Amino acid sequence: MKKCLMLLMNKVLIEELENLYGKGSNIEISSIVVASRQNETIISYKLFYTNQEYLLETMNIGSDFLLEKCWELMGYPKTKLILACSMQMVDL
């Protein structure tokens, strides 16, 4: 599940990701926890960005939107997604 989500984010939606955070940006999924009793899914991820100016405009709202879009593309049932993001700037 993690690999599929990262593949969608970093390969299929790479153009959108780079438009939001700069060329060479990517996302690494740390964990996915499904709490079926509460009908929630918790996704912890790390955003590696290359352009700080872009980050100031979108923060993690753009990456949250892309993750939600990928979740739907994977065909998982609509559950409440709780997204926990950490960010790190990388040099190319």
PDB file of N, CA and C in Angstrom:
ATOM      1  N   MET A   1       0.823  -1.180   0.000  1.00  0.00           N
ATOM      2  CA  MET A   1       0.000   0.000   0.000  1.00  0.00           C
ATOM      3  C   MET A   1       0.876   1.256   0.000  1.00  0.00           C
ATOM      4  N   LYS A   2       1.944   1.259   0.832  1.00  0.00           N
ATOM      5  CA  LYS A   2       2.853   2.404   0.881  1.00  0.00           C
ATOM      6  C   LYS A   2       3.557   2.612  -0.453  1.00  0.00           C
ATOM      7  N   LYS A   3       4.049   1.513  -1.030  1.00  0.00           N
ATOM      8  CA  LYS A   3       4.777   1.615  -2.291  1.00  0.00           C
ATOM      9  C   LYS A   3       3.882   2.113  -3.417  1.00  0.00           C
ATOM     10  N   CYS A   4       2.653   1.635  -3.454  1.00  0.00           N
ATOM     11  CA  CYS A   4       1.707   2.056  -4.479  1.00  0.00           C
ATOM     12  C   CYS A   4       1.399   3.549  -4.344  1.00  0.00           C
ATOM     13  N   LEU A   5       1.196   3.996  -3.131  1.00  0.00           N
ATOM     14  CA  LEU A   5       0.908   5.406  -2.890  1.00  0.00           C
ATOM     15  C   LEU A   5       2.103   6.282  -3.263  1.00  0.00           C
ATOM     16  N   MET A   6       3.305   5.848  -2.908  1.00  0.00           N
ATOM     17  CA  MET A   6       4.502   6.618  -3.262  1.00  0.00           C
ATOM     18  C   MET A   6       4.732   6.621  -4.770  1.00  0.00           C
ATOM     19  N   LEU A   7       4.455   5.506  -5.433  1.00  0.00           N
ATOM     20  CA  LEU A   7       4.598   5.443  -6.888  1.00  0.00           C
ATOM     21  C   LEU A   7       3.649   6.433  -7.563  1.00  0.00           C
ATOM     22  N   LEU A   8       2.406   6.457  -7.127  1.00  0.00           N
ATOM     23  CA  LEU A   8       1.450   7.404  -7.687  1.00  0.00           C
ATOM     24  C   LEU A   8       1.886   8.846  -7.457  1.00  0.00           C
ATOM     25  N   MET A   9       2.351   9.143  -6.254  1.00  0.00           N
ATOM     26  CA  MET A   9       2.752  10.514  -5.924  1.00  0.00           C
ATOM     27  C   MET A   9       3.996  10.935  -6.692  1.00  0.00           C
ATOM     28  N   ASN A  10       5.018  10.073  -6.686  1.00  0.00           N
ATOM     29  CA  ASN A  10       6.331  10.467  -7.199  1.00  0.00           C
ATOM     30  C   ASN A  10       6.555  10.178  -8.676  1.00  0.00           C
ATOM     31  N   LYS A  11       5.692   9.394  -9.294  1.00  0.00           N
ATOM     32  CA  LYS A  11       5.855   9.083 -10.725  1.00  0.00           C
ATOM     33  C   LYS A  11       4.675   9.578 -11.554  1.00  0.00           C
ATOM     34  N   VAL A  12       3.455   9.230 -11.142  1.00  0.00           N
ATOM     35  CA  VAL A  12       2.271   9.572 -11.932  1.00  0.00           C
ATOM     36  C   VAL A  12       1.925  11.057 -11.788  1.00  0.00           C
ATOM     37  N   LEU A  13       1.954  11.566 -10.562  1.00  0.00           N
ATOM     38  CA  LEU A  13       1.601  12.964 -10.318  1.00  0.00           C
ATOM     39  C   LEU A  13       2.830  13.843 -10.087  1.00  0.00           C
ATOM     40  N   ILE A  14       3.960  13.454 -10.697  1.00  0.00           N
ATOM     41  CA  ILE A  14       5.211  14.185 -10.478  1.00  0.00           C
ATOM     42  C   ILE A  14       5.120  15.624 -10.965  1.00  0.00           C
ATOM     43  N   GLU A  15       4.413  15.856 -12.055  1.00  0.00           N
ATOM     44  CA  GLU A  15       4.316  17.219 -12.593  1.00  0.00           C
ATOM     45  C   GLU A  15       3.627  18.149 -11.588  1.00  0.00           C
ATOM     46  N   GLU A  16       2.534  17.691 -10.997  1.00  0.00           N
ATOM     47  CA  GLU A  16       1.830  18.495 -10.006  1.00  0.00           C
ATOM     48  C   GLU A  16       2.689  18.719  -8.768  1.00  0.00           C
ATOM     49  N   LEU A  17       3.390  17.675  -8.337  1.00  0.00           N
ATOM     50  CA  LEU A  17       4.250  17.775  -7.164  1.00  0.00           C
ATOM     51  C   LEU A  17       5.367  18.786  -7.396  1.00  0.00           C
ATOM     52  N   GLU A  18       5.989  18.737  -8.573  1.00  0.00           N
ATOM     53  CA  GLU A  18       7.074  19.671  -8.878  1.00  0.00           C
ATOM     54  C   GLU A  18       6.557  21.093  -9.061  1.00  0.00           C
ATOM     55  N   ASN A  19       5.333  21.246  -9.568  1.00  0.00           N
ATOM     56  CA  ASN A  19       4.748  22.584  -9.675  1.00  0.00           C
ATOM     57  C   ASN A  19       4.498  23.193  -8.303  1.00  0.00           C
ATOM     58  N   LEU A  20       4.189  22.350  -7.326  1.00  0.00           N
ATOM     59  CA  LEU A  20       3.916  22.827  -5.974  1.00  0.00           C
ATOM     60  C   LEU A  20       5.180  23.096  -5.163  1.00  0.00           C
ATOM     61  N   TYR A  21       6.210  22.248  -5.322  1.00  0.00           N
ATOM     62  CA  TYR A  21       7.361  22.308  -4.409  1.00  0.00           C
ATOM     63  C   TYR A  21       8.720  22.378  -5.084  1.00  0.00           C
ATOM     64  N   GLY A  22       8.769  22.467  -6.406  1.00  0.00           N
ATOM     65  CA  GLY A  22      10.032  22.599  -7.109  1.00  0.00           C
ATOM     66  C   GLY A  22      10.503  21.288  -7.723  1.00  0.00           C
ATOM     67  N   LYS A  23      11.330  21.415  -8.756  1.00  0.00           N
ATOM     68  CA  LYS A  23      11.849  20.250  -9.475  1.00  0.00           C
ATOM     69  C   LYS A  23      12.711  19.397  -8.543  1.00  0.00           C
ATOM     70  N   GLY A  24      12.476  18.100  -8.568  1.00  0.00           N
ATOM     71  CA  GLY A  24      13.231  17.182  -7.712  1.00  0.00           C
ATOM     72  C   GLY A  24      12.568  16.900  -6.376  1.00  0.00           C
ATOM     73  N   SER A  25      11.415  17.494  -6.127  1.00  0.00           N
ATOM     74  CA  SER A  25      10.689  17.245  -4.872  1.00  0.00           C
ATOM     75  C   SER A  25      10.063  15.856  -4.905  1.00  0.00           C
ATOM     76  N   ASN A  26       9.934  15.255  -3.727  1.00  0.00           N
ATOM     77  CA  ASN A  26       9.257  13.959  -3.641  1.00  0.00           C
ATOM     78  C   ASN A  26       8.661  13.759  -2.262  1.00  0.00           C
ATOM     79  N   ILE A  27       7.886  12.701  -2.147  1.00  0.00           N
ATOM     80  CA  ILE A  27       7.215  12.371  -0.888  1.00  0.00           C
ATOM     81  C   ILE A  27       7.546  10.944  -0.506  1.00  0.00           C
ATOM     82  N   GLU A  28       7.859  10.758   0.763  1.00  0.00           N
ATOM     83  CA  GLU A  28       8.143   9.426   1.298  1.00  0.00           C
ATOM     84  C   GLU A  28       7.095   9.116   2.363  1.00  0.00           C
ATOM     85  N   ILE A  29       6.391   8.007   2.178  1.00  0.00           N
ATOM     86  CA  ILE A  29       5.360   7.601   3.133  1.00  0.00           C
ATOM     87  C   ILE A  29       6.035   6.836   4.277  1.00  0.00           C
ATOM     88  N   SER A  30       5.844   7.317   5.491  1.00  0.00           N
ATOM     89  CA  SER A  30       6.434   6.654   6.661  1.00  0.00           C
ATOM     90  C   SER A  30       5.572   5.503   7.142  1.00  0.00           C
ATOM     91  N   SER A  31       4.280   5.766   7.274  1.00  0.00           N
ATOM     92  CA  SER A  31       3.389   4.708   7.755  1.00  0.00           C
ATOM     93  C   SER A  31       1.951   4.982   7.344  1.00  0.00           C
ATOM     94  N   ILE A  32       1.192   3.897   7.254  1.00  0.00           N
ATOM     95  CA  ILE A  32      -0.246   3.973   7.009  1.00  0.00           C
ATOM     96  C   ILE A  32      -0.915   3.082   8.051  1.00  0.00           C
ATOM     97  N   VAL A  33      -1.765   3.686   8.850  1.00  0.00           N
ATOM     98  CA  VAL A  33      -2.457   2.952   9.903  1.00  0.00           C
ATOM     99  C   VAL A  33      -3.962   3.079   9.658  1.00  0.00           C
ATOM    100  N   VAL A  34      -4.631   1.944   9.562  1.00  0.00           N
ATOM    101  CA  VAL A  34      -6.076   1.933   9.342  1.00  0.00           C
ATOM    102  C   VAL A  34      -6.763   1.607  10.661  1.00  0.00           C
ATOM    103  N   ALA A  35      -7.588   2.528  11.119  1.00  0.00           N
ATOM    104  CA  ALA A  35      -8.375   2.320  12.337  1.00  0.00           C
ATOM    105  C   ALA A  35      -9.804   2.045  11.893  1.00  0.00           C
ATOM    106  N   SER A  36     -10.115   0.774  11.705  1.00  0.00           N
ATOM    107  CA  SER A  36     -11.421   0.414  11.132  1.00  0.00           C
ATOM    108  C   SER A  36     -12.579   0.739  12.072  1.00  0.00           C
ATOM    109  N   ARG A  37     -12.338   0.690  13.334  1.00  0.00           N
ATOM    110  CA  ARG A  37     -13.413   0.972  14.283  1.00  0.00           C
ATOM    111  C   ARG A  37     -13.902   2.416  14.176  1.00  0.00           C
ATOM    112  N   GLN A  38     -12.945   3.351  13.978  1.00  0.00           N
ATOM    113  CA  GLN A  38     -13.297   4.756  13.835  1.00  0.00           C
ATOM    114  C   GLN A  38     -13.480   5.148  12.368  1.00  0.00           C
ATOM    115  N   ASN A  39     -13.259   4.208  11.456  1.00  0.00           N
ATOM    116  CA  ASN A  39     -13.361   4.460  10.020  1.00  0.00           C
ATOM    117  C   ASN A  39     -12.410   5.579   9.598  1.00  0.00           C
ATOM    118  N   GLU A  40     -11.169   5.500  10.097  1.00  0.00           N
ATOM    119  CA  GLU A  40     -10.151   6.504   9.806  1.00  0.00           C
ATOM    120  C   GLU A  40      -8.885   5.826   9.293  1.00  0.00           C
ATOM    121  N   THR A  41      -8.132   6.566   8.490  1.00  0.00           N
ATOM    122  CA  THR A  41      -6.833   6.112   8.034  1.00  0.00           C
ATOM    123  C   THR A  41      -5.828   7.214   8.334  1.00  0.00           C
ATOM    124  N   ILE A  42      -4.734   6.858   8.995  1.00  0.00           N
ATOM    125  CA  ILE A  42      -3.705   7.827   9.356  1.00  0.00           C
ATOM    126  C   ILE A  42      -2.497   7.579   8.458  1.00  0.00           C
ATOM    127  N   ILE A  43      -2.113   8.608   7.707  1.00  0.00           N
ATOM    128  CA  ILE A  43      -0.952   8.511   6.826  1.00  0.00           C
ATOM    129  C   ILE A  43       0.089   9.504   7.308  1.00  0.00           C
ATOM    130  N   SER A  44       1.257   8.984   7.635  1.00  0.00           N
ATOM    131  CA  SER A  44       2.380   9.813   8.051  1.00  0.00           C
ATOM    132  C   SER A  44       3.366   9.864   6.892  1.00  0.00           C
ATOM    133  N   TYR A  45       3.757  11.067   6.482  1.00  0.00           N
ATOM    134  CA  TYR A  45       4.649  11.189   5.335  1.00  0.00           C
ATOM    135  C   TYR A  45       5.640  12.334   5.510  1.00  0.00           C
ATOM    136  N   LYS A  46       6.697  12.279   4.712  1.00  0.00           N
ATOM    137  CA  LYS A  46       7.717  13.315   4.729  1.00  0.00           C
ATOM    138  C   LYS A  46       7.809  13.931   3.346  1.00  0.00           C
ATOM    139  N   LEU A  47       7.744  15.245   3.284  1.00  0.00           N
ATOM    140  CA  LEU A  47       7.820  15.988   2.037  1.00  0.00           C
ATOM    141  C   LEU A  47       9.233  16.536   1.886  1.00  0.00           C
ATOM    142  N   PHE A  48       9.901  16.140   0.812  1.00  0.00           N
ATOM    143  CA  PHE A  48      11.222  16.666   0.480  1.00  0.00           C
ATOM    144  C   PHE A  48      11.032  17.704  -0.622  1.00  0.00           C
ATOM    145  N   TYR A  49      11.257  18.973  -0.317  1.00  0.00           N
ATOM    146  CA  TYR A  49      11.024  20.043  -1.274  1.00  0.00           C
ATOM    147  C   TYR A  49      12.339  20.703  -1.678  1.00  0.00           C
ATOM    148  N   THR A  50      12.336  21.353  -2.844  1.00  0.00           N
ATOM    149  CA  THR A  50      13.554  21.987  -3.346  1.00  0.00           C
ATOM    150  C   THR A  50      13.432  23.496  -3.485  1.00  0.00           C
ATOM    151  N   ASN A  51      12.216  24.031  -3.445  1.00  0.00           N
ATOM    152  CA  ASN A  51      12.023  25.458  -3.623  1.00  0.00           C
ATOM    153  C   ASN A  51      11.244  26.012  -2.439  1.00  0.00           C
ATOM    154  N   GLN A  52      11.935  26.785  -1.611  1.00  0.00           N
ATOM    155  CA  GLN A  52      11.313  27.291  -0.387  1.00  0.00           C
ATOM    156  C   GLN A  52      10.219  28.320  -0.687  1.00  0.00           C
ATOM    157  N   GLU A  53      10.357  29.073  -1.771  1.00  0.00           N
ATOM    158  CA  GLU A  53       9.336  30.063  -2.125  1.00  0.00           C
ATOM    159  C   GLU A  53       8.007  29.382  -2.434  1.00  0.00           C
ATOM    160  N   TYR A  54       8.070  28.261  -3.170  1.00  0.00           N
ATOM    161  CA  TYR A  54       6.854  27.516  -3.472  1.00  0.00           C
ATOM    162  C   TYR A  54       6.229  26.974  -2.196  1.00  0.00           C
ATOM    163  N   LEU A  55       7.083  26.508  -1.286  1.00  0.00           N
ATOM    164  CA  LEU A  55       6.584  25.929  -0.038  1.00  0.00           C
ATOM    165  C   LEU A  55       5.824  26.968   0.775  1.00  0.00           C
ATOM    166  N   LEU A  56       6.329  28.191   0.819  1.00  0.00           N
ATOM    167  CA  LEU A  56       5.670  29.239   1.589  1.00  0.00           C
ATOM    168  C   LEU A  56       4.275  29.543   1.048  1.00  0.00           C
ATOM    169  N   GLU A  57       4.082  29.356  -0.257  1.00  0.00           N
ATOM    170  CA  GLU A  57       2.777  29.616  -0.851  1.00  0.00           C
ATOM    171  C   GLU A  57       1.781  28.502  -0.565  1.00  0.00           C
ATOM    172  N   THR A  58       2.222  27.257  -0.600  1.00  0.00           N
ATOM    173  CA  THR A  58       1.282  26.139  -0.502  1.00  0.00           C
ATOM    174  C   THR A  58       1.376  25.351   0.795  1.00  0.00           C
ATOM    175  N   MET A  59       2.487  25.491   1.519  1.00  0.00           N
ATOM    176  CA  MET A  59       2.754  24.685   2.715  1.00  0.00           C
ATOM    177  C   MET A  59       2.447  23.216   2.418  1.00  0.00           C
ATOM    178  N   ASN A  60       1.777  22.519   3.317  1.00  0.00           N
ATOM    179  CA  ASN A  60       1.491  21.104   3.047  1.00  0.00           C
ATOM    180  C   ASN A  60       0.069  20.880   2.534  1.00  0.00           C
ATOM    181  N   ILE A  61      -0.653  21.942   2.259  1.00  0.00           N
ATOM    182  CA  ILE A  61      -2.023  21.802   1.754  1.00  0.00           C
ATOM    183  C   ILE A  61      -2.028  21.108   0.396  1.00  0.00           C
ATOM    184  N   GLY A  62      -1.075  21.471  -0.466  1.00  0.00           N
ATOM    185  CA  GLY A  62      -0.991  20.854  -1.793  1.00  0.00           C
ATOM    186  C   GLY A  62      -0.675  19.380  -1.727  1.00  0.00           C
ATOM    187  N   SER A  63       0.272  19.003  -0.863  1.00  0.00           N
ATOM    188  CA  SER A  63       0.620  17.583  -0.746  1.00  0.00           C
ATOM    189  C   SER A  63      -0.526  16.790  -0.126  1.00  0.00           C
ATOM    190  N   ASP A  64      -1.258  17.393   0.805  1.00  0.00           N
ATOM    191  CA  ASP A  64      -2.432  16.723   1.373  1.00  0.00           C
ATOM    192  C   ASP A  64      -3.463  16.448   0.280  1.00  0.00           C
ATOM    193  N   PHE A  65      -3.696  17.445  -0.576  1.00  0.00           N
ATOM    194  CA  PHE A  65      -4.652  17.271  -1.675  1.00  0.00           C
ATOM    195  C   PHE A  65      -4.209  16.155  -2.615  1.00  0.00           C
ATOM    196  N   LEU A  66      -2.910  16.132  -2.959  1.00  0.00           N
ATOM    197  CA  LEU A  66      -2.403  15.087  -3.857  1.00  0.00           C
ATOM    198  C   LEU A  66      -2.513  13.700  -3.229  1.00  0.00           C
ATOM    199  N   LEU A  67      -2.252  13.596  -1.935  1.00  0.00           N
ATOM    200  CA  LEU A  67      -2.386  12.302  -1.254  1.00  0.00           C
ATOM    201  C   LEU A  67      -3.840  11.829  -1.248  1.00  0.00           C
ATOM    202  N   GLU A  68      -4.759  12.738  -1.002  1.00  0.00           N
ATOM    203  CA  GLU A  68      -6.174  12.367  -1.033  1.00  0.00           C
ATOM    204  C   GLU A  68      -6.585  11.915  -2.429  1.00  0.00           C
ATOM    205  N   LYS A  69      -6.075  12.590  -3.449  1.00  0.00           N
ATOM    206  CA  LYS A  69      -6.363  12.218  -4.839  1.00  0.00           C
ATOM    207  C   LYS A  69      -5.811  10.821  -5.148  1.00  0.00           C
ATOM    208  N   CYS A  70      -4.578  10.544  -4.723  1.00  0.00           N
ATOM    209  CA  CYS A  70      -3.975   9.225  -4.939  1.00  0.00           C
ATOM    210  C   CYS A  70      -4.743   8.143  -4.192  1.00  0.00           C
ATOM    211  N   TRP A  71      -5.198   8.449  -3.000  1.00  0.00           N
ATOM    212  CA  TRP A  71      -5.965   7.485  -2.203  1.00  0.00           C
ATOM    213  C   TRP A  71      -7.214   7.059  -2.954  1.00  0.00           C
ATOM    214  N   GLU A  72      -7.896   8.031  -3.578  1.00  0.00           N
ATOM    215  CA  GLU A  72      -9.077   7.721  -4.372  1.00  0.00           C
ATOM    216  C   GLU A  72      -8.710   6.931  -5.627  1.00  0.00           C
ATOM    217  N   LEU A  73      -7.583   7.284  -6.266  1.00  0.00           N
ATOM    218  CA  LEU A  73      -7.144   6.561  -7.459  1.00  0.00           C
ATOM    219  C   LEU A  73      -6.828   5.102  -7.156  1.00  0.00           C
ATOM    220  N   MET A  74      -6.361   4.832  -5.939  1.00  0.00           N
ATOM    221  CA  MET A  74      -6.041   3.462  -5.549  1.00  0.00           C
ATOM    222  C   MET A  74      -7.301   2.644  -5.302  1.00  0.00           C
ATOM    223  N   GLY A  75      -8.445   3.294  -5.215  1.00  0.00           N
ATOM    224  CA  GLY A  75      -9.708   2.579  -5.066  1.00  0.00           C
ATOM    225  C   GLY A  75     -10.071   2.206  -3.642  1.00  0.00           C
ATOM    226  N   TYR A  76      -9.425   2.819  -2.662  1.00  0.00           N
ATOM    227  CA  TYR A  76      -9.767   2.510  -1.271  1.00  0.00           C
ATOM    228  C   TYR A  76     -11.056   3.213  -0.889  1.00  0.00           C
ATOM    229  N   PRO A  77     -11.801   2.616   0.031  1.00  0.00           N
ATOM    230  CA  PRO A  77     -13.081   3.220   0.414  1.00  0.00           C
ATOM    231  C   PRO A  77     -12.872   4.601   1.023  1.00  0.00           C
ATOM    232  N   LYS A  78     -13.892   5.399   0.875  1.00  0.00           N
ATOM    233  CA  LYS A  78     -13.813   6.746   1.433  1.00  0.00           C
ATOM    234  C   LYS A  78     -13.869   6.654   2.951  1.00  0.00           C
ATOM    235  N   THR A  79     -12.750   6.936   3.545  1.00  0.00           N
ATOM    236  CA  THR A  79     -12.656   7.005   4.997  1.00  0.00           C
ATOM    237  C   THR A  79     -12.101   8.371   5.338  1.00  0.00           C
ATOM    238  N   LYS A  80     -12.154   8.724   6.582  1.00  0.00           N
ATOM    239  CA  LYS A  80     -11.562   9.980   7.009  1.00  0.00           C
ATOM    240  C   LYS A  80     -10.045   9.811   7.004  1.00  0.00           C
ATOM    241  N   LEU A  81      -9.350  10.668   6.248  1.00  0.00           N
ATOM    242  CA  LEU A  81      -7.891  10.622   6.204  1.00  0.00           C
ATOM    243  C   LEU A  81      -7.332  11.637   7.178  1.00  0.00           C
ATOM    244  N   ILE A  82      -6.416  11.173   8.001  1.00  0.00           N
ATOM    245  CA  ILE A  82      -5.673  12.052   8.903  1.00  0.00           C
ATOM    246  C   ILE A  82      -4.244  12.038   8.397  1.00  0.00           C
ATOM    247  N   LEU A  83      -3.758  13.199   7.967  1.00  0.00           N
ATOM    248  CA  LEU A  83      -2.441  13.283   7.339  1.00  0.00           C
ATOM    249  C   LEU A  83      -1.467  14.015   8.254  1.00  0.00           C
ATOM    250  N   ALA A  84      -0.343  13.368   8.549  1.00  0.00           N
ATOM    251  CA  ALA A  84       0.703  13.954   9.376  1.00  0.00           C
ATOM    252  C   ALA A  84       1.931  14.165   8.500  1.00  0.00           C
ATOM    253  N   CYS A  85       2.352  15.417   8.386  1.00  0.00           N
ATOM    254  CA  CYS A  85       3.420  15.763   7.444  1.00  0.00           C
ATOM    255  C   CYS A  85       4.623  16.355   8.180  1.00  0.00           C
ATOM    256  N   SER A  86       5.808  15.928   7.768  1.00  0.00           N
ATOM    257  CA  SER A  86       7.037  16.610   8.152  1.00  0.00           C
ATOM    258  C   SER A  86       7.722  17.027   6.861  1.00  0.00           C
ATOM    259  N   MET A  87       8.513  18.091   6.913  1.00  0.00           N
ATOM    260  CA  MET A  87       9.107  18.642   5.704  1.00  0.00           C
ATOM    261  C   MET A  87      10.607  18.804   5.852  1.00  0.00           C
ATOM    262  N   GLN A  88      11.312  18.621   4.739  1.00  0.00           N
ATOM    263  CA  GLN A  88      12.755  18.796   4.722  1.00  0.00           C
ATOM    264  C   GLN A  88      13.178  19.338   3.374  1.00  0.00           C
ATOM    265  N   MET A  89      14.016  20.367   3.397  1.00  0.00           N
ATOM    266  CA  MET A  89      14.515  20.924   2.147  1.00  0.00           C
ATOM    267  C   MET A  89      15.709  20.092   1.689  1.00  0.00           C
ATOM    268  N   VAL A  90      15.757  19.824   0.383  1.00  0.00           N
ATOM    269  CA  VAL A  90      16.868  19.072  -0.192  1.00  0.00           C
ATOM    270  C   VAL A  90      17.549  19.924  -1.269  1.00  0.00           C
ATOM    271  N   ASP A  91      18.834  19.750  -1.407  1.00  0.00           N
ATOM    272  CA  ASP A  91      19.598  20.434  -2.442  1.00  0.00           C
ATOM    273  C   ASP A  91      19.806  19.499  -3.602  1.00  0.00           C
ATOM    274  N   LEU A  92      19.699  20.042  -4.804  1.00  0.00           N
ATOM    275  CA  LEU A  92      19.940  19.225  -5.998  1.00  0.00           C
ATOM    276  C   LEU A  92      21.378  19.342  -6.426  1.00  0.00           C
TER     277      LEU A  92
END
